[in-house]
PDB file of N, CA and C in Angstrom:
ATOM      1  N   MET A   1      10.544  11.410  -2.235  1.00  0.00           N
ATOM      2  CA  MET A   1      10.312  10.193  -1.494  1.00  0.00           C
ATOM      3  C   MET A   1      11.512   9.295  -1.696  1.00  0.00           C
ATOM      4  N   ASN A   2      12.054   8.838  -0.614  1.00  0.00           N
ATOM      5  CA  ASN A   2      13.198   7.943  -0.666  1.00  0.00           C
ATOM      6  C   ASN A   2      12.700   6.515  -0.645  1.00  0.00           C
ATOM      7  N   ARG A   3      13.096   5.731  -1.627  1.00  0.00           N
ATOM      8  CA  ARG A   3      12.646   4.349  -1.725  1.00  0.00           C
ATOM      9  C   ARG A   3      13.872   3.465  -1.721  1.00  0.00           C
ATOM     10  N   SER A   4      13.780   2.366  -1.000  1.00  0.00           N
ATOM     11  CA  SER A   4      14.880   1.416  -1.003  1.00  0.00           C
ATOM     12  C   SER A   4      14.313   0.013  -1.056  1.00  0.00           C
ATOM     13  N   HIS A   5      15.130  -0.922  -1.477  1.00  0.00           N
ATOM     14  CA  HIS A   5      14.693  -2.300  -1.533  1.00  0.00           C
ATOM     15  C   HIS A   5      15.038  -2.984  -0.231  1.00  0.00           C
ATOM     16  N   ARG A   6      14.337  -4.015   0.059  1.00  0.00           N
ATOM     17  CA  ARG A   6      14.505  -4.743   1.307  1.00  0.00           C
ATOM     18  C   ARG A   6      15.803  -5.534   1.288  1.00  0.00           C
ATOM     19  N   HIS A   7      16.598  -5.356   2.329  1.00  0.00           N
ATOM     20  CA  HIS A   7      17.856  -6.086   2.452  1.00  0.00           C
ATOM     21  C   HIS A   7      17.994  -6.604   3.869  1.00  0.00           C
ATOM     22  N   GLY A   8      17.485  -7.791   4.124  1.00  0.00           N
ATOM     23  CA  GLY A   8      17.657  -8.464   5.407  1.00  0.00           C
ATOM     24  C   GLY A   8      17.262  -7.617   6.591  1.00  0.00           C
ATOM     25  N   ALA A   9      18.136  -7.563   7.590  1.00  0.00           N
ATOM     26  CA  ALA A   9      17.836  -6.871   8.836  1.00  0.00           C
ATOM     27  C   ALA A   9      17.856  -5.363   8.693  1.00  0.00           C
ATOM     28  N   GLY A  10      18.292  -4.837   7.573  1.00  0.00           N
ATOM     29  CA  GLY A  10      18.345  -3.395   7.382  1.00  0.00           C
ATOM     30  C   GLY A  10      16.996  -2.727   7.462  1.00  0.00           C
ATOM     31  N   SER A  11      15.919  -3.491   7.300  1.00  0.00           N
ATOM     32  CA  SER A  11      14.594  -2.907   7.343  1.00  0.00           C
ATOM     33  C   SER A  11      14.214  -2.451   8.741  1.00  0.00           C
ATOM     34  N   GLY A  12      14.932  -2.916   9.775  1.00  0.00           N
ATOM     35  CA  GLY A  12      14.625  -2.519  11.124  1.00  0.00           C
ATOM     36  C   GLY A  12      15.301  -1.233  11.540  1.00  0.00           C
ATOM     37  N   CYS A  13      15.998  -0.571  10.638  1.00  0.00           N
ATOM     38  CA  CYS A  13      16.718   0.656  10.962  1.00  0.00           C
ATOM     39  C   CYS A  13      15.736   1.741  11.377  1.00  0.00           C
ATOM     40  N   LEU A  14      16.202   2.608  12.270  1.00  0.00           N
ATOM     41  CA  LEU A  14      15.393   3.715  12.716  1.00  0.00           C
ATOM     42  C   LEU A  14      15.018   4.584  11.522  1.00  0.00           C
ATOM     43  N   GLY A  15      13.729   4.884  11.400  1.00  0.00           N
ATOM     44  CA  GLY A  15      13.280   5.739  10.329  1.00  0.00           C
ATOM     45  C   GLY A  15      12.853   5.015   9.067  1.00  0.00           C
ATOM     46  N   THR A  16      13.117   3.718   8.969  1.00  0.00           N
ATOM     47  CA  THR A  16      12.724   2.959   7.792  1.00  0.00           C
ATOM     48  C   THR A  16      11.449   2.187   8.099  1.00  0.00           C
ATOM     49  N   MET A  17      10.518   2.213   7.171  1.00  0.00           N
ATOM     50  CA  MET A  17       9.243   1.540   7.341  1.00  0.00           C
ATOM     51  C   MET A  17       9.073   0.492   6.248  1.00  0.00           C
ATOM     52  N   GLU A  18       8.678  -0.691   6.623  1.00  0.00           N
ATOM     53  CA  GLU A  18       8.390  -1.745   5.655  1.00  0.00           C
ATOM     54  C   GLU A  18       6.973  -1.568   5.121  1.00  0.00           C
ATOM     55  N   VAL A  19       6.802  -1.763   3.817  1.00  0.00           N
ATOM     56  CA  VAL A  19       5.501  -1.716   3.167  1.00  0.00           C
ATOM     57  C   VAL A  19       5.270  -3.063   2.520  1.00  0.00           C
ATOM     58  N   LYS A  20       4.106  -3.632   2.759  1.00  0.00           N
ATOM     59  CA  LYS A  20       3.703  -4.883   2.104  1.00  0.00           C
ATOM     60  C   LYS A  20       2.431  -4.567   1.330  1.00  0.00           C
ATOM     61  N   SER A  21       2.521  -4.642   0.004  1.00  0.00           N
ATOM     62  CA  SER A  21       1.365  -4.301  -0.818  1.00  0.00           C
ATOM     63  C   SER A  21       0.845  -5.531  -1.539  1.00  0.00           C
ATOM     64  N   LYS A  22      -0.473  -5.564  -1.717  1.00  0.00           N
ATOM     65  CA  LYS A  22      -1.141  -6.699  -2.356  1.00  0.00           C
ATOM     66  C   LYS A  22      -2.000  -6.180  -3.492  1.00  0.00           C
ATOM     67  N   PHE A  23      -1.811  -6.761  -4.676  1.00  0.00           N
ATOM     68  CA  PHE A  23      -2.653  -6.477  -5.834  1.00  0.00           C
ATOM     69  C   PHE A  23      -3.016  -7.821  -6.438  1.00  0.00           C
ATOM     70  N   GLY A  24      -4.297  -8.162  -6.424  1.00  0.00           N
ATOM     71  CA  GLY A  24      -4.708  -9.487  -6.883  1.00  0.00           C
ATOM     72  C   GLY A  24      -4.099 -10.534  -5.969  1.00  0.00           C
ATOM     73  N   ALA A  25      -3.396 -11.479  -6.554  1.00  0.00           N
ATOM     74  CA  ALA A  25      -2.752 -12.539  -5.767  1.00  0.00           C
ATOM     75  C   ALA A  25      -1.276 -12.253  -5.514  1.00  0.00           C
ATOM     76  N   GLU A  26      -0.796 -11.094  -5.941  1.00  0.00           N
ATOM     77  CA  GLU A  26       0.630 -10.795  -5.828  1.00  0.00           C
ATOM     78  C   GLU A  26       0.923  -9.837  -4.682  1.00  0.00           C
ATOM     79  N   PHE A  27       1.945 -10.187  -3.913  1.00  0.00           N
ATOM     80  CA  PHE A  27       2.432  -9.356  -2.824  1.00  0.00           C
ATOM     81  C   PHE A  27       3.784  -8.787  -3.214  1.00  0.00           C
ATOM     82  N   ARG A  28       4.049  -7.564  -2.785  1.00  0.00           N
ATOM     83  CA  ARG A  28       5.353  -6.936  -2.960  1.00  0.00           C
ATOM     84  C   ARG A  28       5.746  -6.313  -1.626  1.00  0.00           C
ATOM     85  N   ARG A  29       7.043  -6.316  -1.357  1.00  0.00           N
ATOM     86  CA  ARG A  29       7.577  -5.685  -0.147  1.00  0.00           C
ATOM     87  C   ARG A  29       8.646  -4.685  -0.553  1.00  0.00           C
ATOM     88  N   PHE A  30       8.650  -3.546   0.107  1.00  0.00           N
ATOM     89  CA  PHE A  30       9.684  -2.545  -0.093  1.00  0.00           C
ATOM     90  C   PHE A  30       9.726  -1.660   1.138  1.00  0.00           C
ATOM     91  N   SER A  31      10.727  -0.827   1.215  1.00  0.00           N
ATOM     92  CA  SER A  31      10.906   0.061   2.365  1.00  0.00           C
ATOM     93  C   SER A  31      10.763   1.517   1.948  1.00  0.00           C
ATOM     94  N   LEU A  32      10.293   2.320   2.891  1.00  0.00           N
ATOM     95  CA  LEU A  32      10.215   3.769   2.712  1.00  0.00           C
ATOM     96  C   LEU A  32      10.875   4.440   3.907  1.00  0.00           C
ATOM     97  N   GLU A  33      11.382   5.618   3.682  1.00  0.00           N
ATOM     98  CA  GLU A  33      11.911   6.427   4.769  1.00  0.00           C
ATOM     99  C   GLU A  33      10.722   7.060   5.481  1.00  0.00           C
ATOM    100  N   ARG A  34      10.497   6.669   6.724  1.00  0.00           N
ATOM    101  CA  ARG A  34       9.322   7.131   7.470  1.00  0.00           C
ATOM    102  C   ARG A  34       9.297   8.655   7.613  1.00  0.00           C
ATOM    103  N   SER A  35      10.457   9.267   7.793  1.00  0.00           N
ATOM    104  CA  SER A  35      10.503  10.711   7.994  1.00  0.00           C
ATOM    105  C   SER A  35      10.341  11.500   6.686  1.00  0.00           C
ATOM    106  N   LYS A  36      10.482  10.834   5.537  1.00  0.00           N
ATOM    107  CA  LYS A  36      10.328  11.489   4.235  1.00  0.00           C
ATOM    108  C   LYS A  36       9.467  10.625   3.314  1.00  0.00           C
ATOM    109  N   PRO A  37       8.188  10.439   3.650  1.00  0.00           N
ATOM    110  CA  PRO A  37       7.366   9.542   2.839  1.00  0.00           C
ATOM    111  C   PRO A  37       6.986  10.110   1.473  1.00  0.00           C
ATOM    112  N   GLY A  38       7.108  11.424   1.299  1.00  0.00           N
ATOM    113  CA  GLY A  38       6.739  12.031   0.029  1.00  0.00           C
ATOM    114  C   GLY A  38       5.249  12.305  -0.044  1.00  0.00           C
ATOM    115  N   LYS A  39       4.761  12.494  -1.246  1.00  0.00           N
ATOM    116  CA  LYS A  39       3.347  12.799  -1.478  1.00  0.00           C
ATOM    117  C   LYS A  39       2.609  11.559  -1.964  1.00  0.00           C
ATOM    118  N   PHE A  40       1.285  11.602  -1.837  1.00  0.00           N
ATOM    119  CA  PHE A  40       0.470  10.473  -2.239  1.00  0.00           C
ATOM    120  C   PHE A  40       0.676  10.118  -3.709  1.00  0.00           C
ATOM    121  N   GLU A  41       0.725  11.107  -4.582  1.00  0.00           N
ATOM    122  CA  GLU A  41       0.884  10.833  -6.013  1.00  0.00           C
ATOM    123  C   GLU A  41       2.181  10.083  -6.308  1.00  0.00           C
ATOM    124  N   GLU A  42       3.249  10.410  -5.586  1.00  0.00           N
ATOM    125  CA  GLU A  42       4.512   9.683  -5.752  1.00  0.00           C
ATOM    126  C   GLU A  42       4.369   8.239  -5.280  1.00  0.00           C
ATOM    127  N   PHE A  43       3.703   8.049  -4.149  1.00  0.00           N
ATOM    128  CA  PHE A  43       3.477   6.715  -3.604  1.00  0.00           C
ATOM    129  C   PHE A  43       2.604   5.888  -4.555  1.00  0.00           C
ATOM    130  N   TYR A  44       1.576   6.515  -5.111  1.00  0.00           N
ATOM    131  CA  TYR A  44       0.683   5.869  -6.084  1.00  0.00           C
ATOM    132  C   TYR A  44       1.492   5.384  -7.293  1.00  0.00           C
ATOM    133  N   GLY A  45       2.359   6.241  -7.815  1.00  0.00           N
ATOM    134  CA  GLY A  45       3.214   5.874  -8.937  1.00  0.00           C
ATOM    135  C   GLY A  45       4.179   4.756  -8.579  1.00  0.00           C
ATOM    136  N   LEU A  46       4.706   4.795  -7.359  1.00  0.00           N
ATOM    137  CA  LEU A  46       5.599   3.730  -6.898  1.00  0.00           C
ATOM    138  C   LEU A  46       4.864   2.393  -6.845  1.00  0.00           C
ATOM    139  N   LEU A  47       3.643   2.395  -6.339  1.00  0.00           N
ATOM    140  CA  LEU A  47       2.855   1.155  -6.296  1.00  0.00           C
ATOM    141  C   LEU A  47       2.598   0.623  -7.701  1.00  0.00           C
ATOM    142  N   GLN A  48       2.265   1.509  -8.635  1.00  0.00           N
ATOM    143  CA  GLN A  48       2.056   1.074 -10.017  1.00  0.00           C
ATOM    144  C   GLN A  48       3.341   0.494 -10.600  1.00  0.00           C
ATOM    145  N   HIS A  49       4.472   1.092 -10.279  1.00  0.00           N
ATOM    146  CA  HIS A  49       5.756   0.606 -10.781  1.00  0.00           C
ATOM    147  C   HIS A  49       6.112  -0.750 -10.167  1.00  0.00           C
ATOM    148  N   VAL A  50       5.997  -0.860  -8.866  1.00  0.00           N
ATOM    149  CA  VAL A  50       6.370  -2.093  -8.160  1.00  0.00           C
ATOM    150  C   VAL A  50       5.504  -3.271  -8.613  1.00  0.00           C
ATOM    151  N   HIS A  51       4.229  -3.016  -8.873  1.00  0.00           N
ATOM    152  CA  HIS A  51       3.319  -4.086  -9.292  1.00  0.00           C
ATOM    153  C   HIS A  51       3.238  -4.219 -10.822  1.00  0.00           C
ATOM    154  N   LYS A  52       4.000  -3.394 -11.521  1.00  0.00           N
ATOM    155  CA  LYS A  52       4.047  -3.427 -12.993  1.00  0.00           C
ATOM    156  C   LYS A  52       2.658  -3.223 -13.613  1.00  0.00           C
ATOM    157  N   ILE A  53       1.958  -2.190 -13.134  1.00  0.00           N
ATOM    158  CA  ILE A  53       0.636  -1.830 -13.647  1.00  0.00           C
ATOM    159  C   ILE A  53       0.592  -0.320 -13.940  1.00  0.00           C
ATOM    160  N   PRO A  54       1.492   0.176 -14.810  1.00  0.00           N
ATOM    161  CA  PRO A  54       1.637   1.626 -14.977  1.00  0.00           C
ATOM    162  C   PRO A  54       0.414   2.335 -15.544  1.00  0.00           C
ATOM    163  N   ASN A  55      -0.409   1.684 -16.315  1.00  0.00           N
ATOM    164  CA  ASN A  55      -1.551   2.350 -16.939  1.00  0.00           C
ATOM    165  C   ASN A  55      -2.881   1.872 -16.384  1.00  0.00           C
ATOM    166  N   VAL A  56      -2.873   1.307 -15.194  1.00  0.00           N
ATOM    167  CA  VAL A  56      -4.090   0.792 -14.572  1.00  0.00           C
ATOM    168  C   VAL A  56      -4.518   1.755 -13.471  1.00  0.00           C
ATOM    169  N   ASP A  57      -5.775   2.252 -13.559  1.00  0.00           N
ATOM    170  CA  ASP A  57      -6.313   3.091 -12.493  1.00  0.00           C
ATOM    171  C   ASP A  57      -6.710   2.186 -11.334  1.00  0.00           C
ATOM    172  N   VAL A  58      -6.173   2.498 -10.160  1.00  0.00           N
ATOM    173  CA  VAL A  58      -6.422   1.653  -8.997  1.00  0.00           C
ATOM    174  C   VAL A  58      -6.855   2.498  -7.807  1.00  0.00           C
ATOM    175  N   LEU A  59      -7.458   1.819  -6.857  1.00  0.00           N
ATOM    176  CA  LEU A  59      -7.777   2.385  -5.556  1.00  0.00           C
ATOM    177  C   LEU A  59      -6.798   1.788  -4.564  1.00  0.00           C
ATOM    178  N   VAL A  60      -6.345   2.602  -3.615  1.00  0.00           N
ATOM    179  CA  VAL A  60      -5.353   2.173  -2.640  1.00  0.00           C
ATOM    180  C   VAL A  60      -5.972   2.269  -1.253  1.00  0.00           C
ATOM    181  N   GLY A  61      -5.770   1.239  -0.450  1.00  0.00           N
ATOM    182  CA  GLY A  61      -6.239   1.241   0.923  1.00  0.00           C
ATOM    183  C   GLY A  61      -5.184   0.642   1.829  1.00  0.00           C
ATOM    184  N   TYR A  62      -5.382   0.804   3.132  1.00  0.00           N
ATOM    185  CA  TYR A  62      -4.447   0.225   4.094  1.00  0.00           C
ATOM    186  C   TYR A  62      -5.225  -0.334   5.272  1.00  0.00           C
ATOM    187  N   ALA A  63      -4.609  -1.286   5.941  1.00  0.00           N
ATOM    188  CA  ALA A  63      -5.196  -1.852   7.149  1.00  0.00           C
ATOM    189  C   ALA A  63      -4.688  -1.051   8.340  1.00  0.00           C
ATOM    190  N   ASP A  64      -5.604  -0.467   9.108  1.00  0.00           N
ATOM    191  CA  ASP A  64      -5.188   0.311  10.274  1.00  0.00           C
ATOM    192  C   ASP A  64      -4.881  -0.620  11.443  1.00  0.00           C
ATOM    193  N   ILE A  65      -4.570  -0.049  12.601  1.00  0.00           N
ATOM    194  CA  ILE A  65      -4.158  -0.861  13.746  1.00  0.00           C
ATOM    195  C   ILE A  65      -5.276  -1.764  14.260  1.00  0.00           C
ATOM    196  N   HIS A  66      -6.529  -1.458  13.895  1.00  0.00           N
ATOM    197  CA  HIS A  66      -7.661  -2.291  14.302  1.00  0.00           C
ATOM    198  C   HIS A  66      -8.025  -3.327  13.244  1.00  0.00           C
ATOM    199  N   GLY A  67      -7.310  -3.313  12.120  1.00  0.00           N
ATOM    200  CA  GLY A  67      -7.593  -4.241  11.039  1.00  0.00           C
ATOM    201  C   GLY A  67      -8.635  -3.745  10.057  1.00  0.00           C
ATOM    202  N   ASP A  68      -9.101  -2.503  10.241  1.00  0.00           N
ATOM    203  CA  ASP A  68     -10.081  -1.919   9.325  1.00  0.00           C
ATOM    204  C   ASP A  68      -9.382  -1.469   8.049  1.00  0.00           C
ATOM    205  N   LEU A  69     -10.062  -1.610   6.921  1.00  0.00           N
ATOM    206  CA  LEU A  69      -9.522  -1.186   5.634  1.00  0.00           C
ATOM    207  C   LEU A  69      -9.942   0.251   5.374  1.00  0.00           C
ATOM    208  N   LEU A  70      -8.957   1.154   5.283  1.00  0.00           N
ATOM    209  CA  LEU A  70      -9.211   2.578   5.068  1.00  0.00           C
ATOM    210  C   LEU A  70      -8.583   3.030   3.759  1.00  0.00           C
ATOM    211  N   PRO A  71      -9.193   4.030   3.102  1.00  0.00           N
ATOM    212  CA  PRO A  71      -8.663   4.482   1.811  1.00  0.00           C
ATOM    213  C   PRO A  71      -7.439   5.373   1.959  1.00  0.00           C
ATOM    214  N   ILE A  72      -6.603   5.332   0.933  1.00  0.00           N
ATOM    215  CA  ILE A  72      -5.513   6.301   0.778  1.00  0.00           C
ATOM    216  C   ILE A  72      -5.724   6.928  -0.590  1.00  0.00           C
ATOM    217  N   ASN A  73      -6.130   8.199  -0.594  1.00  0.00           N
ATOM    218  CA  ASN A  73      -6.387   8.868  -1.865  1.00  0.00           C
ATOM    219  C   ASN A  73      -5.953  10.330  -1.875  1.00  0.00           C
ATOM    220  N   ASN A  74      -5.244  10.747  -0.828  1.00  0.00           N
ATOM    221  CA  ASN A  74      -4.706  12.105  -0.789  1.00  0.00           C
ATOM    222  C   ASN A  74      -3.531  12.150   0.189  1.00  0.00           C
ATOM    223  N   ASP A  75      -2.855  13.277   0.238  1.00  0.00           N
ATOM    224  CA  ASP A  75      -1.676  13.403   1.100  1.00  0.00           C
ATOM    225  C   ASP A  75      -2.019  13.207   2.577  1.00  0.00           C
ATOM    226  N   ASP A  76      -3.165  13.735   3.017  1.00  0.00           N
ATOM    227  CA  ASP A  76      -3.521  13.642   4.441  1.00  0.00           C
ATOM    228  C   ASP A  76      -3.682  12.200   4.909  1.00  0.00           C
ATOM    229  N   ASN A  77      -4.503  11.408   4.191  1.00  0.00           N
ATOM    230  CA  ASN A  77      -4.695  10.046   4.689  1.00  0.00           C
ATOM    231  C   ASN A  77      -3.497   9.154   4.359  1.00  0.00           C
ATOM    232  N   TYR A  78      -2.678   9.530   3.377  1.00  0.00           N
ATOM    233  CA  TYR A  78      -1.418   8.809   3.149  1.00  0.00           C
ATOM    234  C   TYR A  78      -0.482   9.008   4.337  1.00  0.00           C
ATOM    235  N   HIS A  79      -0.334  10.255   4.791  1.00  0.00           N
ATOM    236  CA  HIS A  79       0.543  10.526   5.928  1.00  0.00           C
ATOM    237  C   HIS A  79      -0.005   9.920   7.219  1.00  0.00           C
ATOM    238  N   LYS A  80      -1.326   9.852   7.348  1.00  0.00           N
ATOM    239  CA  LYS A  80      -1.929   9.174   8.509  1.00  0.00           C
ATOM    240  C   LYS A  80      -1.567   7.686   8.488  1.00  0.00           C
ATOM    241  N   ALA A  81      -1.643   7.060   7.324  1.00  0.00           N
ATOM    242  CA  ALA A  81      -1.289   5.643   7.195  1.00  0.00           C
ATOM    243  C   ALA A  81       0.173   5.420   7.560  1.00  0.00           C
ATOM    244  N   VAL A  82       1.048   6.294   7.084  1.00  0.00           N
ATOM    245  CA  VAL A  82       2.484   6.170   7.377  1.00  0.00           C
ATOM    246  C   VAL A  82       2.732   6.345   8.880  1.00  0.00           C
ATOM    247  N   SER A  83       2.073   7.314   9.480  1.00  0.00           N
ATOM    248  CA  SER A  83       2.318   7.591  10.898  1.00  0.00           C
ATOM    249  C   SER A  83       1.796   6.496  11.815  1.00  0.00           C
ATOM    250  N   THR A  84       0.796   5.735  11.380  1.00  0.00           N
ATOM    251  CA  THR A  84       0.239   4.679  12.230  1.00  0.00           C
ATOM    252  C   THR A  84       0.827   3.307  11.925  1.00  0.00           C
ATOM    253  N   ALA A  85       1.639   3.183  10.902  1.00  0.00           N
ATOM    254  CA  ALA A  85       2.245   1.892  10.545  1.00  0.00           C
ATOM    255  C   ALA A  85       3.236   1.483  11.623  1.00  0.00           C
ATOM    256  N   ASN A  86       3.009   0.314  12.216  1.00  0.00           N
ATOM    257  CA  ASN A  86       3.911  -0.132  13.274  1.00  0.00           C
ATOM    258  C   ASN A  86       3.930  -1.647  13.328  1.00  0.00           C
ATOM    259  N   PRO A  87       4.923  -2.311  12.872  1.00  0.00           N
ATOM    260  CA  PRO A  87       6.082  -1.802  12.144  1.00  0.00           C
ATOM    261  C   PRO A  87       5.856  -1.837  10.641  1.00  0.00           C
ATOM    262  N   LEU A  88       4.724  -2.396  10.206  1.00  0.00           N
ATOM    263  CA  LEU A  88       4.488  -2.671   8.793  1.00  0.00           C
ATOM    264  C   LEU A  88       3.273  -1.897   8.304  1.00  0.00           C
ATOM    265  N   LEU A  89       3.375  -1.324   7.097  1.00  0.00           N
ATOM    266  CA  LEU A  89       2.231  -0.688   6.446  1.00  0.00           C
ATOM    267  C   LEU A  89       1.677  -1.688   5.434  1.00  0.00           C
ATOM    268  N   ARG A  90       0.462  -2.174   5.682  1.00  0.00           N
ATOM    269  CA  ARG A  90      -0.183  -3.149   4.796  1.00  0.00           C
ATOM    270  C   ARG A  90      -1.079  -2.409   3.815  1.00  0.00           C
ATOM    271  N   ILE A  91      -0.735  -2.517   2.524  1.00  0.00           N
ATOM    272  CA  ILE A  91      -1.437  -1.815   1.456  1.00  0.00           C
ATOM    273  C   ILE A  91      -2.221  -2.816   0.615  1.00  0.00           C
ATOM    274  N   PHE A  92      -3.466  -2.457   0.288  1.00  0.00           N
ATOM    275  CA  PHE A  92      -4.299  -3.263  -0.599  1.00  0.00           C
ATOM    276  C   PHE A  92      -4.660  -2.408  -1.805  1.00  0.00           C
ATOM    277  N   ILE A  93      -4.409  -2.955  -2.986  1.00  0.00           N
ATOM    278  CA  ILE A  93      -4.645  -2.231  -4.237  1.00  0.00           C
ATOM    279  C   ILE A  93      -5.731  -2.966  -5.004  1.00  0.00           C
ATOM    280  N   GLN A  94      -6.677  -2.219  -5.545  1.00  0.00           N
ATOM    281  CA  GLN A  94      -7.721  -2.831  -6.360  1.00  0.00           C
ATOM    282  C   GLN A  94      -7.968  -1.976  -7.593  1.00  0.00           C
ATOM    283  N   LYS A  95      -8.328  -2.638  -8.673  1.00  0.00           N
ATOM    284  CA  LYS A  95      -8.705  -1.909  -9.876  1.00  0.00           C
ATOM    285  C   LYS A  95      -9.978  -1.139  -9.596  1.00  0.00           C
ATOM    286  N   LYS A  96     -10.096   0.041 -10.196  1.00  0.00           N
ATOM    287  CA  LYS A  96     -11.350   0.777 -10.077  1.00  0.00           C
ATOM    288  C   LYS A  96     -12.449  -0.067 -10.713  1.00  0.00           C
ATOM    289  N   GLY A  97     -13.606  -0.129 -10.080  1.00  0.00           N
ATOM    290  CA  GLY A  97     -14.692  -0.970 -10.551  1.00  0.00           C
ATOM    291  C   GLY A  97     -14.702  -2.339  -9.881  1.00  0.00           C
ATOM    292  N   CYS A  98     -13.754  -2.566  -8.974  1.00  0.00           N
ATOM    293  CA  CYS A  98     -13.691  -3.818  -8.227  1.00  0.00           C
ATOM    294  C   CYS A  98     -14.002  -3.528  -6.764  1.00  0.00           C
ATOM    295  N   VAL A  99     -14.383  -4.569  -6.047  1.00  0.00           N
ATOM    296  CA  VAL A  99     -14.734  -4.446  -4.641  1.00  0.00           C
ATOM    297  C   VAL A  99     -13.863  -5.384  -3.829  1.00  0.00           C
ATOM    298  N   LEU A 100     -13.327  -4.876  -2.727  1.00  0.00           N
ATOM    299  CA  LEU A 100     -12.557  -5.716  -1.808  1.00  0.00           C
ATOM    300  C   LEU A 100     -13.480  -6.207  -0.709  1.00  0.00           C
ATOM    301  N   GLU A 101     -13.449  -7.506  -0.452  1.00  0.00           N
ATOM    302  CA  GLU A 101     -14.108  -8.071   0.711  1.00  0.00           C
ATOM    303  C   GLU A 101     -13.022  -8.294   1.739  1.00  0.00           C
ATOM    304  N   HIS A 102     -13.172  -7.684   2.894  1.00  0.00           N
ATOM    305  CA  HIS A 102     -12.117  -7.712   3.904  1.00  0.00           C
ATOM    306  C   HIS A 102     -12.646  -8.362   5.168  1.00  0.00           C
ATOM    307  N   SER A 103     -11.982  -9.403   5.605  1.00  0.00           N
ATOM    308  CA  SER A 103     -12.253  -9.996   6.906  1.00  0.00           C
ATOM    309  C   SER A 103     -10.942 -10.023   7.663  1.00  0.00           C
ATOM    310  N   LYS A 104     -10.983 -10.435   8.897  1.00  0.00           N
ATOM    311  CA  LYS A 104      -9.779 -10.384   9.726  1.00  0.00           C
ATOM    312  C   LYS A 104      -8.614 -11.159   9.122  1.00  0.00           C
ATOM    313  N   ASN A 105      -8.871 -12.292   8.484  1.00  0.00           N
ATOM    314  CA  ASN A 105      -7.795 -13.142   7.966  1.00  0.00           C
ATOM    315  C   ASN A 105      -7.703 -13.194   6.451  1.00  0.00           C
ATOM    316  N   ASN A 106      -8.549 -12.459   5.741  1.00  0.00           N
ATOM    317  CA  ASN A 106      -8.588 -12.633   4.291  1.00  0.00           C
ATOM    318  C   ASN A 106      -9.052 -11.356   3.594  1.00  0.00           C
ATOM    319  N   VAL A 107      -8.480 -11.095   2.430  1.00  0.00           N
ATOM    320  CA  VAL A 107      -8.936 -10.012   1.566  1.00  0.00           C
ATOM    321  C   VAL A 107      -9.127 -10.600   0.180  1.00  0.00           C
ATOM    322  N   ARG A 108     -10.338 -10.448  -0.374  1.00  0.00           N
ATOM    323  CA  ARG A 108     -10.627 -10.955  -1.718  1.00  0.00           C
ATOM    324  C   ARG A 108     -11.158  -9.823  -2.570  1.00  0.00           C
ATOM    325  N   MET A 109     -10.822  -9.848  -3.876  1.00  0.00           N
ATOM    326  CA  MET A 109     -11.264  -8.822  -4.793  1.00  0.00           C
ATOM    327  C   MET A 109     -12.251  -9.423  -5.790  1.00  0.00           C
ATOM    328  N   HIS A 110     -13.391  -8.735  -5.976  1.00  0.00           N
ATOM    329  CA  HIS A 110     -14.379  -9.125  -6.973  1.00  0.00           C
ATOM    330  C   HIS A 110     -14.559  -7.960  -7.937  1.00  0.00           C
ATOM    331  N   CYS A 111     -14.390  -8.227  -9.232  1.00  0.00           N
ATOM    332  CA  CYS A 111     -14.507  -7.174 -10.232  1.00  0.00           C
ATOM    333  C   CYS A 111     -15.807  -7.307 -10.989  1.00  0.00           C
ATOM    334  N   LEU A 112     -16.381  -6.167 -11.310  1.00  0.00           N
ATOM    335  CA  LEU A 112     -17.592  -6.127 -12.103  1.00  0.00           C
ATOM    336  C   LEU A 112     -17.221  -6.298 -13.565  1.00  0.00           C
ATOM    337  N   LYS A 113     -17.948  -7.128 -14.265  1.00  0.00           N
ATOM    338  CA  LYS A 113     -17.669  -7.331 -15.683  1.00  0.00           C
ATOM    339  C   LYS A 113     -18.304  -6.206 -16.483  1.00  0.00           C
ATOM    340  N   THR A 114     -17.552  -5.710 -17.466  1.00  0.00           N
ATOM    341  CA  THR A 114     -18.074  -4.656 -18.328  1.00  0.00           C
ATOM    342  C   THR A 114     -18.610  -5.284 -19.607  1.00  0.00           C
ATOM    343  N   LEU A 115     -19.660  -4.684 -20.123  1.00  0.00           N
ATOM    344  CA  LEU A 115     -20.280  -5.196 -21.360  1.00  0.00           C
ATOM    345  C   LEU A 115     -19.738  -4.470 -22.555  1.00  0.00           C
TER     346      LEU A 115
END
């Protein structure tokens, strides 16, 4: 998987896809090569690295073209997310055991407290 950092107008290059990921209240942006997105496990590791959560088990989802939140948990639905991203792939990350509430203009995470 080829990963690059965002540099101004370079993100509009043919074959480059912008990714905007959200974990909690933090957003991160980076670019991926659309023609070589790699495997889901590599993307999962990249998200953990970018958000500085290397040892946190998370669930990954994306907003499709209709605004619906769909899961990304294997190579097939990861590649589907990449192929439908136009021009931006919106990623939502949540800790396992948490629930995302998704509306058209807002995404909120509620976590279950452990005893």
